[in-house]
PDB file of all heavy atoms in Angstrom:
ATOM      1  N   ARG A   1      17.075 -35.887  -0.129  1.00  0.00           N
ATOM      2  CA  ARG A   1      16.497 -36.747  -1.159  1.00  0.00           C
ATOM      3  C   ARG A   1      17.056 -36.501  -2.556  1.00  0.00           C
ATOM      4  O   ARG A   1      17.040 -37.403  -3.397  1.00  0.00           O
ATOM      5  CB  ARG A   1      14.971 -36.556  -1.205  1.00  0.00           C
ATOM      6  CG  ARG A   1      14.273 -36.977   0.087  1.00  0.00           C
ATOM      7  CD  ARG A   1      12.783 -36.685   0.024  1.00  0.00           C
ATOM      8  NE  ARG A   1      12.116 -36.995   1.280  1.00  0.00           N
ATOM      9  CZ  ARG A   1      10.834 -36.773   1.522  1.00  0.00           C
ATOM     10  NH1 ARG A   1      10.065 -36.228   0.586  1.00  0.00           N
ATOM     11  NH2 ARG A   1      10.314 -37.082   2.693  1.00  0.00           N
ATOM     12  N   VAL A   2      17.548 -35.283  -2.821  1.00  0.00           N
ATOM     13  CA  VAL A   2      18.026 -34.950  -4.152  1.00  0.00           C
ATOM     14  C   VAL A   2      19.492 -35.333  -4.285  1.00  0.00           C
ATOM     15  O   VAL A   2      20.336 -34.886  -3.502  1.00  0.00           O
ATOM     16  CB  VAL A   2      17.851 -33.441  -4.439  1.00  0.00           C
ATOM     17  CG1 VAL A   2      18.437 -33.076  -5.787  1.00  0.00           C
ATOM     18  CG2 VAL A   2      16.375 -33.074  -4.386  1.00  0.00           C
ATOM     19  N   HIS A   3      19.806 -36.163  -5.287  1.00  0.00           N
ATOM     20  CA  HIS A   3      21.181 -36.601  -5.494  1.00  0.00           C
ATOM     21  C   HIS A   3      22.002 -35.512  -6.174  1.00  0.00           C
ATOM     22  O   HIS A   3      23.150 -35.254  -5.802  1.00  0.00           O
ATOM     23  CB  HIS A   3      21.196 -37.881  -6.331  1.00  0.00           C
ATOM     24  CG  HIS A   3      22.573 -38.417  -6.607  1.00  0.00           C
ATOM     25  ND1 HIS A   3      23.448 -38.768  -5.589  1.00  0.00           N
ATOM     26  CD2 HIS A   3      23.232 -38.639  -7.780  1.00  0.00           C
ATOM     27  CE1 HIS A   3      24.575 -39.199  -6.126  1.00  0.00           C
ATOM     28  NE2 HIS A   3      24.475 -39.125  -7.443  1.00  0.00           N
ATOM     29  N   ASP A   4      21.437 -34.877  -7.182  1.00  0.00           N
ATOM     30  CA  ASP A   4      22.105 -33.797  -7.897  1.00  0.00           C
ATOM     31  C   ASP A   4      21.615 -32.465  -7.335  1.00  0.00           C
ATOM     32  O   ASP A   4      20.492 -32.036  -7.591  1.00  0.00           O
ATOM     33  CB  ASP A   4      21.786 -33.897  -9.398  1.00  0.00           C
ATOM     34  CG  ASP A   4      22.600 -32.908 -10.224  1.00  0.00           C
ATOM     35  OD1 ASP A   4      23.202 -31.986  -9.632  1.00  0.00           O
ATOM     36  OD2 ASP A   4      22.625 -33.046 -11.454  1.00  0.00           O
ATOM     37  N   GLN A   5      22.470 -31.794  -6.574  1.00  0.00           N
ATOM     38  CA  GLN A   5      22.095 -30.566  -5.874  1.00  0.00           C
ATOM     39  C   GLN A   5      22.580 -29.301  -6.584  1.00  0.00           C
ATOM     40  O   GLN A   5      22.552 -28.205  -6.025  1.00  0.00           O
ATOM     41  CB  GLN A   5      22.648 -30.607  -4.446  1.00  0.00           C
ATOM     42  CG  GLN A   5      22.097 -31.759  -3.625  1.00  0.00           C
ATOM     43  CD  GLN A   5      22.837 -31.953  -2.317  1.00  0.00           C
ATOM     44  OE1 GLN A   5      23.936 -31.452  -2.133  1.00  0.00           O
ATOM     45  NE2 GLN A   5      22.245 -32.720  -1.402  1.00  0.00           N
ATOM     46  N   ARG A   6      23.010 -29.439  -7.849  1.00  0.00           N
ATOM     47  CA  ARG A   6      23.566 -28.289  -8.564  1.00  0.00           C
ATOM     48  C   ARG A   6      22.545 -27.167  -8.736  1.00  0.00           C
ATOM     49  O   ARG A   6      22.869 -25.987  -8.547  1.00  0.00           O
ATOM     50  CB  ARG A   6      24.095 -28.720  -9.933  1.00  0.00           C
ATOM     51  CG  ARG A   6      25.395 -29.504  -9.871  1.00  0.00           C
ATOM     52  CD  ARG A   6      25.838 -29.948 -11.244  1.00  0.00           C
ATOM     53  NE  ARG A   6      24.882 -30.881 -11.844  1.00  0.00           N
ATOM     54  CZ  ARG A   6      25.032 -31.424 -13.045  1.00  0.00           C
ATOM     55  NH1 ARG A   6      26.086 -31.108 -13.789  1.00  0.00           N
ATOM     56  NH2 ARG A   6      24.138 -32.278 -13.513  1.00  0.00           N
ATOM     57  N   ALA A   7      21.327 -27.519  -9.115  1.00  0.00           N
ATOM     58  CA  ALA A   7      20.315 -26.493  -9.361  1.00  0.00           C
ATOM     59  C   ALA A   7      20.002 -25.717  -8.081  1.00  0.00           C
ATOM     60  O   ALA A   7      19.868 -24.487  -8.108  1.00  0.00           O
ATOM     61  CB  ALA A   7      19.044 -27.132  -9.918  1.00  0.00           C
ATOM     62  N   VAL A   8      19.913 -26.428  -6.962  1.00  0.00           N
ATOM     63  CA  VAL A   8      19.625 -25.774  -5.689  1.00  0.00           C
ATOM     64  C   VAL A   8      20.777 -24.858  -5.290  1.00  0.00           C
ATOM     65  O   VAL A   8      20.574 -23.715  -4.846  1.00  0.00           O
ATOM     66  CB  VAL A   8      19.372 -26.820  -4.583  1.00  0.00           C
ATOM     67  CG1 VAL A   8      19.062 -26.139  -3.259  1.00  0.00           C
ATOM     68  CG2 VAL A   8      18.233 -27.743  -4.976  1.00  0.00           C
ATOM     69  N   ALA A   9      22.008 -25.340  -5.464  1.00  0.00           N
ATOM     70  CA  ALA A   9      23.186 -24.553  -5.094  1.00  0.00           C
ATOM     71  C   ALA A   9      23.293 -23.286  -5.945  1.00  0.00           C
ATOM     72  O   ALA A   9      23.600 -22.197  -5.433  1.00  0.00           O
ATOM     73  CB  ALA A   9      24.448 -25.398  -5.245  1.00  0.00           C
ATOM     74  N   LEU A  10      23.039 -23.405  -7.244  1.00  0.00           N
ATOM     75  CA  LEU A  10      23.124 -22.254  -8.135  1.00  0.00           C
ATOM     76  C   LEU A  10      21.991 -21.263  -7.863  1.00  0.00           C
ATOM     77  O   LEU A  10      22.207 -20.041  -7.831  1.00  0.00           O
ATOM     78  CB  LEU A  10      23.080 -22.716  -9.590  1.00  0.00           C
ATOM     79  CG  LEU A  10      23.146 -21.621 -10.659  1.00  0.00           C
ATOM     80  CD1 LEU A  10      24.459 -20.853 -10.545  1.00  0.00           C
ATOM     81  CD2 LEU A  10      22.994 -22.227 -12.055  1.00  0.00           C
ATOM     82  N   ALA A  11      20.773 -21.759  -7.666  1.00  0.00           N
ATOM     83  CA  ALA A  11      19.625 -20.883  -7.430  1.00  0.00           C
ATOM     84  C   ALA A  11      19.805 -20.051  -6.161  1.00  0.00           C
ATOM     85  O   ALA A  11      19.437 -18.869  -6.126  1.00  0.00           O
ATOM     86  CB  ALA A  11      18.349 -21.720  -7.336  1.00  0.00           C
ATOM     87  N   ALA A  12      20.390 -20.650  -5.120  1.00  0.00           N
ATOM     88  CA  ALA A  12      20.595 -19.919  -3.868  1.00  0.00           C
ATOM     89  C   ALA A  12      21.549 -18.745  -4.060  1.00  0.00           C
ATOM     90  O   ALA A  12      21.352 -17.661  -3.486  1.00  0.00           O
ATOM     91  CB  ALA A  12      21.141 -20.869  -2.799  1.00  0.00           C
ATOM     92  N   ALA A  13      22.589 -18.951  -4.889  1.00  0.00           N
ATOM     93  CA  ALA A  13      23.537 -17.864  -5.157  1.00  0.00           C
ATOM     94  C   ALA A  13      22.909 -16.779  -6.025  1.00  0.00           C
ATOM     95  O   ALA A  13      23.089 -15.577  -5.773  1.00  0.00           O
ATOM     96  CB  ALA A  13      24.786 -18.423  -5.826  1.00  0.00           C
ATOM     97  N   LEU A  14      22.166 -17.181  -7.055  1.00  0.00           N
ATOM     98  CA  LEU A  14      21.559 -16.200  -7.959  1.00  0.00           C
ATOM     99  C   LEU A  14      20.448 -15.404  -7.271  1.00  0.00           C
ATOM    100  O   LEU A  14      20.165 -14.262  -7.666  1.00  0.00           O
ATOM    101  CB  LEU A  14      21.023 -16.894  -9.211  1.00  0.00           C
ATOM    102  CG  LEU A  14      22.089 -17.515 -10.121  1.00  0.00           C
ATOM    103  CD1 LEU A  14      21.452 -18.145 -11.343  1.00  0.00           C
ATOM    104  CD2 LEU A  14      23.117 -16.463 -10.538  1.00  0.00           C
ATOM    105  N   LEU A  15      19.818 -15.982  -6.265  1.00  0.00           N
ATOM    106  CA  LEU A  15      18.828 -15.225  -5.501  1.00  0.00           C
ATOM    107  C   LEU A  15      19.492 -14.027  -4.818  1.00  0.00           C
ATOM    108  O   LEU A  15      18.903 -12.940  -4.732  1.00  0.00           O
ATOM    109  CB  LEU A  15      18.164 -16.131  -4.461  1.00  0.00           C
ATOM    110  CG  LEU A  15      17.091 -15.476  -3.571  1.00  0.00           C
ATOM    111  CD1 LEU A  15      15.959 -14.901  -4.421  1.00  0.00           C
ATOM    112  CD2 LEU A  15      16.541 -16.477  -2.560  1.00  0.00           C
ATOM    113  N   GLN A  16      20.716 -14.215  -4.363  1.00  0.00           N
ATOM    114  CA  GLN A  16      21.441 -13.102  -3.769  1.00  0.00           C
ATOM    115  C   GLN A  16      21.743 -12.027  -4.814  1.00  0.00           C
ATOM    116  O   GLN A  16      21.688 -10.821  -4.519  1.00  0.00           O
ATOM    117  CB  GLN A  16      22.730 -13.603  -3.117  1.00  0.00           C
ATOM    118  CG  GLN A  16      22.488 -14.521  -1.937  1.00  0.00           C
ATOM    119  CD  GLN A  16      23.775 -14.909  -1.226  1.00  0.00           C
ATOM    120  OE1 GLN A  16      24.601 -14.053  -0.910  1.00  0.00           O
ATOM    121  NE2 GLN A  16      23.954 -16.191  -0.957  1.00  0.00           N
ATOM    122  N   THR A  17      22.080 -12.456  -6.033  1.00  0.00           N
ATOM    123  CA  THR A  17      22.301 -11.492  -7.112  1.00  0.00           C
ATOM    124  C   THR A  17      21.071 -10.614  -7.309  1.00  0.00           C
ATOM    125  O   THR A  17      21.179  -9.387  -7.458  1.00  0.00           O
ATOM    126  CB  THR A  17      22.618 -12.231  -8.433  1.00  0.00           C
ATOM    127  OG1 THR A  17      23.685 -13.160  -8.235  1.00  0.00           O
ATOM    128  CG2 THR A  17      22.998 -11.240  -9.528  1.00  0.00           C
ATOM    129  N   LEU A  18      19.902 -11.233  -7.315  1.00  0.00           N
ATOM    130  CA  LEU A  18      18.647 -10.498  -7.472  1.00  0.00           C
ATOM    131  C   LEU A  18      18.471  -9.462  -6.367  1.00  0.00           C
ATOM    132  O   LEU A  18      18.052  -8.322  -6.630  1.00  0.00           O
ATOM    133  CB  LEU A  18      17.471 -11.477  -7.473  1.00  0.00           C
ATOM    134  CG  LEU A  18      16.067 -10.862  -7.480  1.00  0.00           C
ATOM    135  CD1 LEU A  18      15.833 -10.090  -8.772  1.00  0.00           C
ATOM    136  CD2 LEU A  18      15.004 -11.950  -7.300  1.00  0.00           C
ATOM    137  N   THR A  19      18.793  -9.821  -5.145  1.00  0.00           N
ATOM    138  CA  THR A  19      18.587  -8.882  -4.034  1.00  0.00           C
ATOM    139  C   THR A  19      19.534  -7.688  -4.128  1.00  0.00           C
ATOM    140  O   THR A  19      19.146  -6.561  -3.801  1.00  0.00           O
ATOM    141  CB  THR A  19      18.772  -9.591  -2.682  1.00  0.00           C
ATOM    142  OG1 THR A  19      20.129 -10.028  -2.538  1.00  0.00           O
ATOM    143  CG2 THR A  19      17.850 -10.785  -2.565  1.00  0.00           C
ATOM    144  N   PHE A  20      20.772  -7.911  -4.561  1.00  0.00           N
ATOM    145  CA  PHE A  20      21.707  -6.802  -4.705  1.00  0.00           C
ATOM    146  C   PHE A  20      21.215  -5.821  -5.775  1.00  0.00           C
ATOM    147  O   PHE A  20      21.312  -4.600  -5.597  1.00  0.00           O
ATOM    148  CB  PHE A  20      23.100  -7.319  -5.052  1.00  0.00           C
ATOM    149  CG  PHE A  20      23.680  -8.247  -4.015  1.00  0.00           C
ATOM    150  CD1 PHE A  20      24.436  -9.353  -4.388  1.00  0.00           C
ATOM    151  CD2 PHE A  20      23.457  -8.032  -2.659  1.00  0.00           C
ATOM    152  CE1 PHE A  20      24.968 -10.204  -3.450  1.00  0.00           C
ATOM    153  CE2 PHE A  20      23.983  -8.889  -1.703  1.00  0.00           C
ATOM    154  CZ  PHE A  20      24.738  -9.976  -2.105  1.00  0.00           C
ATOM    155  N   LEU A  21      20.689  -6.360  -6.862  1.00  0.00           N
ATOM    156  CA  LEU A  21      20.100  -5.505  -7.891  1.00  0.00           C
ATOM    157  C   LEU A  21      18.891  -4.748  -7.342  1.00  0.00           C
ATOM    158  O   LEU A  21      18.668  -3.581  -7.670  1.00  0.00           O
ATOM    159  CB  LEU A  21      19.693  -6.347  -9.101  1.00  0.00           C
ATOM    160  CG  LEU A  21      20.834  -6.916  -9.954  1.00  0.00           C
ATOM    161  CD1 LEU A  21      20.298  -7.921 -10.969  1.00  0.00           C
ATOM    162  CD2 LEU A  21      21.578  -5.785 -10.661  1.00  0.00           C
ATOM    163  N   GLY A  22      18.115  -5.430  -6.480  1.00  0.00           N
ATOM    164  CA  GLY A  22      16.951  -4.794  -5.883  1.00  0.00           C
ATOM    165  C   GLY A  22      17.322  -3.622  -4.990  1.00  0.00           C
ATOM    166  O   GLY A  22      16.714  -2.543  -5.072  1.00  0.00           O
ATOM    167  N   PHE A  23      18.342  -3.815  -4.130  1.00  0.00           N
ATOM    168  CA  PHE A  23      18.810  -2.717  -3.279  1.00  0.00           C
ATOM    169  C   PHE A  23      19.263  -1.522  -4.128  1.00  0.00           C
ATOM    170  O   PHE A  23      19.082  -0.370  -3.745  1.00  0.00           O
ATOM    171  CB  PHE A  23      19.982  -3.173  -2.407  1.00  0.00           C
ATOM    172  CG  PHE A  23      19.593  -3.974  -1.197  1.00  0.00           C
ATOM    173  CD1 PHE A  23      20.138  -5.234  -0.977  1.00  0.00           C
ATOM    174  CD2 PHE A  23      18.705  -3.462  -0.261  1.00  0.00           C
ATOM    175  CE1 PHE A  23      19.797  -5.971   0.146  1.00  0.00           C
ATOM    176  CE2 PHE A  23      18.351  -4.193   0.871  1.00  0.00           C
ATOM    177  CZ  PHE A  23      18.900  -5.448   1.074  1.00  0.00           C
ATOM    178  N   LEU A  24      19.838  -1.828  -5.281  1.00  0.00           N
ATOM    179  CA  LEU A  24      20.395  -0.790  -6.138  1.00  0.00           C
ATOM    180  C   LEU A  24      19.317  -0.041  -6.913  1.00  0.00           C
ATOM    181  O   LEU A  24      19.351   1.198  -7.005  1.00  0.00           O
ATOM    182  CB  LEU A  24      21.390  -1.434  -7.111  1.00  0.00           C
ATOM    183  CG  LEU A  24      22.192  -0.512  -8.022  1.00  0.00           C
ATOM    184  CD1 LEU A  24      23.058   0.436  -7.196  1.00  0.00           C
ATOM    185  CD2 LEU A  24      23.056  -1.340  -8.967  1.00  0.00           C
ATOM    186  N   VAL A  25      18.347  -0.769  -7.449  1.00  0.00           N
ATOM    187  CA  VAL A  25      17.359  -0.187  -8.353  1.00  0.00           C
ATOM    188  C   VAL A  25      16.101   0.276  -7.621  1.00  0.00           C
ATOM    189  O   VAL A  25      15.507   1.310  -7.960  1.00  0.00           O
ATOM    190  CB  VAL A  25      16.989  -1.199  -9.461  1.00  0.00           C
ATOM    191  CG1 VAL A  25      15.899  -0.642 -10.365  1.00  0.00           C
ATOM    192  CG2 VAL A  25      18.225  -1.571 -10.275  1.00  0.00           C
ATOM    193  N   LEU A  26      15.677  -0.474  -6.609  1.00  0.00           N
ATOM    194  CA  LEU A  26      14.419  -0.179  -5.930  1.00  0.00           C
ATOM    195  C   LEU A  26      14.624  -0.225  -4.410  1.00  0.00           C
ATOM    196  O   LEU A  26      14.111  -1.122  -3.730  1.00  0.00           O
ATOM    197  CB  LEU A  26      13.355  -1.199  -6.369  1.00  0.00           C
ATOM    198  CG  LEU A  26      11.877  -0.806  -6.224  1.00  0.00           C
ATOM    199  CD1 LEU A  26      11.567   0.465  -7.005  1.00  0.00           C
ATOM    200  CD2 LEU A  26      10.987  -1.952  -6.695  1.00  0.00           C
ATOM    201  N   PRO A  27      15.362   0.729  -3.843  1.00  0.00           N
ATOM    202  CA  PRO A  27      15.680   0.682  -2.403  1.00  0.00           C
ATOM    203  C   PRO A  27      14.469   0.805  -1.495  1.00  0.00           C
ATOM    204  O   PRO A  27      14.541   0.396  -0.329  1.00  0.00           O
ATOM    205  CB  PRO A  27      16.631   1.872  -2.226  1.00  0.00           C
ATOM    206  CG  PRO A  27      16.356   2.783  -3.375  1.00  0.00           C
ATOM    207  CD  PRO A  27      15.980   1.882  -4.512  1.00  0.00           C
ATOM    208  N   SER A  28      13.360   1.364  -1.994  1.00  0.00           N
ATOM    209  CA  SER A  28      12.167   1.480  -1.152  1.00  0.00           C
ATOM    210  C   SER A  28      11.599   0.108  -0.795  1.00  0.00           C
ATOM    211  O   SER A  28      10.818  -0.015   0.150  1.00  0.00           O
ATOM    212  CB  SER A  28      11.097   2.321  -1.855  1.00  0.00           C
ATOM    213  OG  SER A  28      10.715   1.735  -3.086  1.00  0.00           O
ATOM    214  N   TRP A  29      11.972  -0.912  -1.544  1.00  0.00           N
ATOM    215  CA  TRP A  29      11.540  -2.290  -1.264  1.00  0.00           C
ATOM    216  C   TRP A  29      12.603  -3.055  -0.466  1.00  0.00           C
ATOM    217  O   TRP A  29      12.689  -4.270  -0.535  1.00  0.00           O
ATOM    218  CB  TRP A  29      11.260  -3.026  -2.572  1.00  0.00           C
ATOM    219  CG  TRP A  29      10.014  -2.574  -3.292  1.00  0.00           C
ATOM    220  CD1 TRP A  29       9.401  -1.353  -3.198  1.00  0.00           C
ATOM    221  CD2 TRP A  29       9.245  -3.333  -4.211  1.00  0.00           C
ATOM    222  NE1 TRP A  29       8.304  -1.296  -4.011  1.00  0.00           N
ATOM    223  CE2 TRP A  29       8.170  -2.505  -4.650  1.00  0.00           C
ATOM    224  CE3 TRP A  29       9.342  -4.624  -4.727  1.00  0.00           C
ATOM    225  CZ2 TRP A  29       7.218  -2.925  -5.560  1.00  0.00           C
ATOM    226  CZ3 TRP A  29       8.392  -5.058  -5.641  1.00  0.00           C
ATOM    227  CH2 TRP A  29       7.339  -4.220  -6.051  1.00  0.00           C
ATOM    228  N   SER A  30      13.396  -2.337   0.304  1.00  0.00           N
ATOM    229  CA  SER A  30      14.533  -2.960   0.987  1.00  0.00           C
ATOM    230  C   SER A  30      14.127  -4.072   1.944  1.00  0.00           C
ATOM    231  O   SER A  30      14.900  -5.011   2.183  1.00  0.00           O
ATOM    232  CB  SER A  30      15.335  -1.903   1.749  1.00  0.00           C
ATOM    233  OG  SER A  30      16.018  -1.052   0.854  1.00  0.00           O
ATOM    234  N   LEU A  31      12.932  -3.983   2.512  1.00  0.00           N
ATOM    235  CA  LEU A  31      12.470  -5.061   3.388  1.00  0.00           C
ATOM    236  C   LEU A  31      12.416  -6.379   2.619  1.00  0.00           C
ATOM    237  O   LEU A  31      12.891  -7.414   3.100  1.00  0.00           O
ATOM    238  CB  LEU A  31      11.097  -4.722   3.954  1.00  0.00           C
ATOM    239  CG  LEU A  31      10.397  -5.837   4.750  1.00  0.00           C
ATOM    240  CD1 LEU A  31      11.250  -6.269   5.939  1.00  0.00           C
ATOM    241  CD2 LEU A  31       9.022  -5.374   5.229  1.00  0.00           C
ATOM    242  N   LEU A  32      11.842  -6.347   1.412  1.00  0.00           N
ATOM    243  CA  LEU A  32      11.764  -7.556   0.591  1.00  0.00           C
ATOM    244  C   LEU A  32      13.150  -8.061   0.227  1.00  0.00           C
ATOM    245  O   LEU A  32      13.433  -9.264   0.339  1.00  0.00           O
ATOM    246  CB  LEU A  32      10.963  -7.267  -0.682  1.00  0.00           C
ATOM    247  CG  LEU A  32      10.921  -8.403  -1.721  1.00  0.00           C
ATOM    248  CD1 LEU A  32      10.229  -9.626  -1.150  1.00  0.00           C
ATOM    249  CD2 LEU A  32      10.237  -7.928  -3.002  1.00  0.00           C
ATOM    250  N   TRP A  33      14.025  -7.129  -0.200  1.00  0.00           N
ATOM    251  CA  TRP A  33      15.371  -7.557  -0.617  1.00  0.00           C
ATOM    252  C   TRP A  33      16.154  -8.132   0.560  1.00  0.00           C
ATOM    253  O   TRP A  33      16.902  -9.102   0.392  1.00  0.00           O
ATOM    254  CB  TRP A  33      16.123  -6.387  -1.238  1.00  0.00           C
ATOM    255  CG  TRP A  33      15.388  -5.660  -2.317  1.00  0.00           C
ATOM    256  CD1 TRP A  33      15.230  -4.313  -2.447  1.00  0.00           C
ATOM    257  CD2 TRP A  33      14.680  -6.239  -3.434  1.00  0.00           C
ATOM    258  NE1 TRP A  33      14.480  -4.008  -3.558  1.00  0.00           N
ATOM    259  CE2 TRP A  33      14.134  -5.181  -4.184  1.00  0.00           C
ATOM    260  CE3 TRP A  33      14.450  -7.546  -3.866  1.00  0.00           C
ATOM    261  CZ2 TRP A  33      13.375  -5.381  -5.332  1.00  0.00           C
ATOM    262  CZ3 TRP A  33      13.689  -7.759  -5.006  1.00  0.00           C
ATOM    263  CH2 TRP A  33      13.171  -6.692  -5.731  1.00  0.00           C
ATOM    264  N   ALA A  34      15.991  -7.550   1.741  1.00  0.00           N
ATOM    265  CA  ALA A  34      16.701  -8.056   2.913  1.00  0.00           C
ATOM    266  C   ALA A  34      16.253  -9.469   3.264  1.00  0.00           C
ATOM    267  O   ALA A  34      17.076 -10.343   3.585  1.00  0.00           O
ATOM    268  CB  ALA A  34      16.488  -7.119   4.103  1.00  0.00           C
ATOM    269  N   VAL A  35      14.950  -9.709   3.199  1.00  0.00           N
ATOM    270  CA  VAL A  35      14.422 -11.041   3.509  1.00  0.00           C
ATOM    271  C   VAL A  35      14.889 -12.059   2.475  1.00  0.00           C
ATOM    272  O   VAL A  35      15.314 -13.176   2.824  1.00  0.00           O
ATOM    273  CB  VAL A  35      12.884 -11.001   3.580  1.00  0.00           C
ATOM    274  CG1 VAL A  35      12.310 -12.417   3.660  1.00  0.00           C
ATOM    275  CG2 VAL A  35      12.430 -10.190   4.795  1.00  0.00           C
ATOM    276  N   LEU A  36      14.843 -11.689   1.188  1.00  0.00           N
ATOM    277  CA  LEU A  36      15.288 -12.606   0.137  1.00  0.00           C
ATOM    278  C   LEU A  36      16.786 -12.876   0.237  1.00  0.00           C
ATOM    279  O   LEU A  36      17.240 -13.999   0.008  1.00  0.00           O
ATOM    280  CB  LEU A  36      14.947 -12.039  -1.242  1.00  0.00           C
ATOM    281  CG  LEU A  36      13.462 -12.022  -1.613  1.00  0.00           C
ATOM    282  CD1 LEU A  36      13.263 -11.395  -2.989  1.00  0.00           C
ATOM    283  CD2 LEU A  36      12.869 -13.431  -1.583  1.00  0.00           C
ATOM    284  N   PHE A  37      17.553 -11.834   0.578  1.00  0.00           N
ATOM    285  CA  PHE A  37      18.986 -12.052   0.758  1.00  0.00           C
ATOM    286  C   PHE A  37      19.246 -13.031   1.899  1.00  0.00           C
ATOM    287  O   PHE A  37      20.076 -13.937   1.792  1.00  0.00           O
ATOM    288  CB  PHE A  37      19.710 -10.741   1.042  1.00  0.00           C
ATOM    289  CG  PHE A  37      21.148 -10.943   1.446  1.00  0.00           C
ATOM    290  CD1 PHE A  37      22.112 -11.262   0.506  1.00  0.00           C
ATOM    291  CD2 PHE A  37      21.529 -10.870   2.786  1.00  0.00           C
ATOM    292  CE1 PHE A  37      23.426 -11.494   0.879  1.00  0.00           C
ATOM    293  CE2 PHE A  37      22.836 -11.090   3.170  1.00  0.00           C
ATOM    294  CZ  PHE A  37      23.791 -11.400   2.213  1.00  0.00           C
ATOM    295  N   GLY A  38      18.549 -12.840   3.017  1.00  0.00           N
ATOM    296  CA  GLY A  38      18.713 -13.756   4.139  1.00  0.00           C
ATOM    297  C   GLY A  38      18.383 -15.185   3.758  1.00  0.00           C
ATOM    298  O   GLY A  38      19.096 -16.124   4.134  1.00  0.00           O
ATOM    299  N   PHE A  39      17.321 -15.355   2.965  1.00  0.00           N
ATOM    300  CA  PHE A  39      16.943 -16.697   2.527  1.00  0.00           C
ATOM    301  C   PHE A  39      18.028 -17.295   1.638  1.00  0.00           C
ATOM    302  O   PHE A  39      18.404 -18.467   1.801  1.00  0.00           O
ATOM    303  CB  PHE A  39      15.614 -16.638   1.771  1.00  0.00           C
ATOM    304  CG  PHE A  39      15.090 -17.983   1.355  1.00  0.00           C
ATOM    305  CD1 PHE A  39      14.282 -18.719   2.205  1.00  0.00           C
ATOM    306  CD2 PHE A  39      15.409 -18.520   0.117  1.00  0.00           C
ATOM    307  CE1 PHE A  39      13.807 -19.970   1.835  1.00  0.00           C
ATOM    308  CE2 PHE A  39      14.939 -19.764  -0.270  1.00  0.00           C
ATOM    309  CZ  PHE A  39      14.144 -20.489   0.594  1.00  0.00           C
ATOM    310  N   GLY A  40      18.537 -16.497   0.695  1.00  0.00           N
ATOM    311  CA  GLY A  40      19.577 -16.999  -0.200  1.00  0.00           C
ATOM    312  C   GLY A  40      20.863 -17.319   0.525  1.00  0.00           C
ATOM    313  O   GLY A  40      21.483 -18.364   0.296  1.00  0.00           O
ATOM    314  N   SER A  41      21.283 -16.432   1.429  1.00  0.00           N
ATOM    315  CA  SER A  41      22.516 -16.654   2.176  1.00  0.00           C
ATOM    316  C   SER A  41      22.393 -17.866   3.097  1.00  0.00           C
ATOM    317  O   SER A  41      23.314 -18.683   3.194  1.00  0.00           O
ATOM    318  CB  SER A  41      22.849 -15.404   2.994  1.00  0.00           C
ATOM    319  OG  SER A  41      24.036 -15.584   3.726  1.00  0.00           O
ATOM    320  N   GLY A  42      21.242 -17.986   3.767  1.00  0.00           N
ATOM    321  CA  GLY A  42      21.021 -19.148   4.622  1.00  0.00           C
ATOM    322  C   GLY A  42      21.008 -20.442   3.841  1.00  0.00           C
ATOM    323  O   GLY A  42      21.489 -21.479   4.319  1.00  0.00           O
ATOM    324  N   SER A  43      20.478 -20.398   2.622  1.00  0.00           N
ATOM    325  CA  SER A  43      20.439 -21.590   1.774  1.00  0.00           C
ATOM    326  C   SER A  43      21.842 -22.042   1.403  1.00  0.00           C
ATOM    327  O   SER A  43      22.184 -23.233   1.484  1.00  0.00           O
ATOM    328  CB  SER A  43      19.626 -21.303   0.507  1.00  0.00           C
ATOM    329  OG  SER A  43      18.287 -21.001   0.810  1.00  0.00           O
TER     330      SER A  43
END
């Protein structure tokens, strides 16, 4: 339905950036970062 998909495409990539920072700074939350990474990569 969305004609301009730029925001969706950019957000999916930046979500992965967030997860890499999460693995680095807060590894005890790795379950959350792994799930978010999977969502971003799948997107």
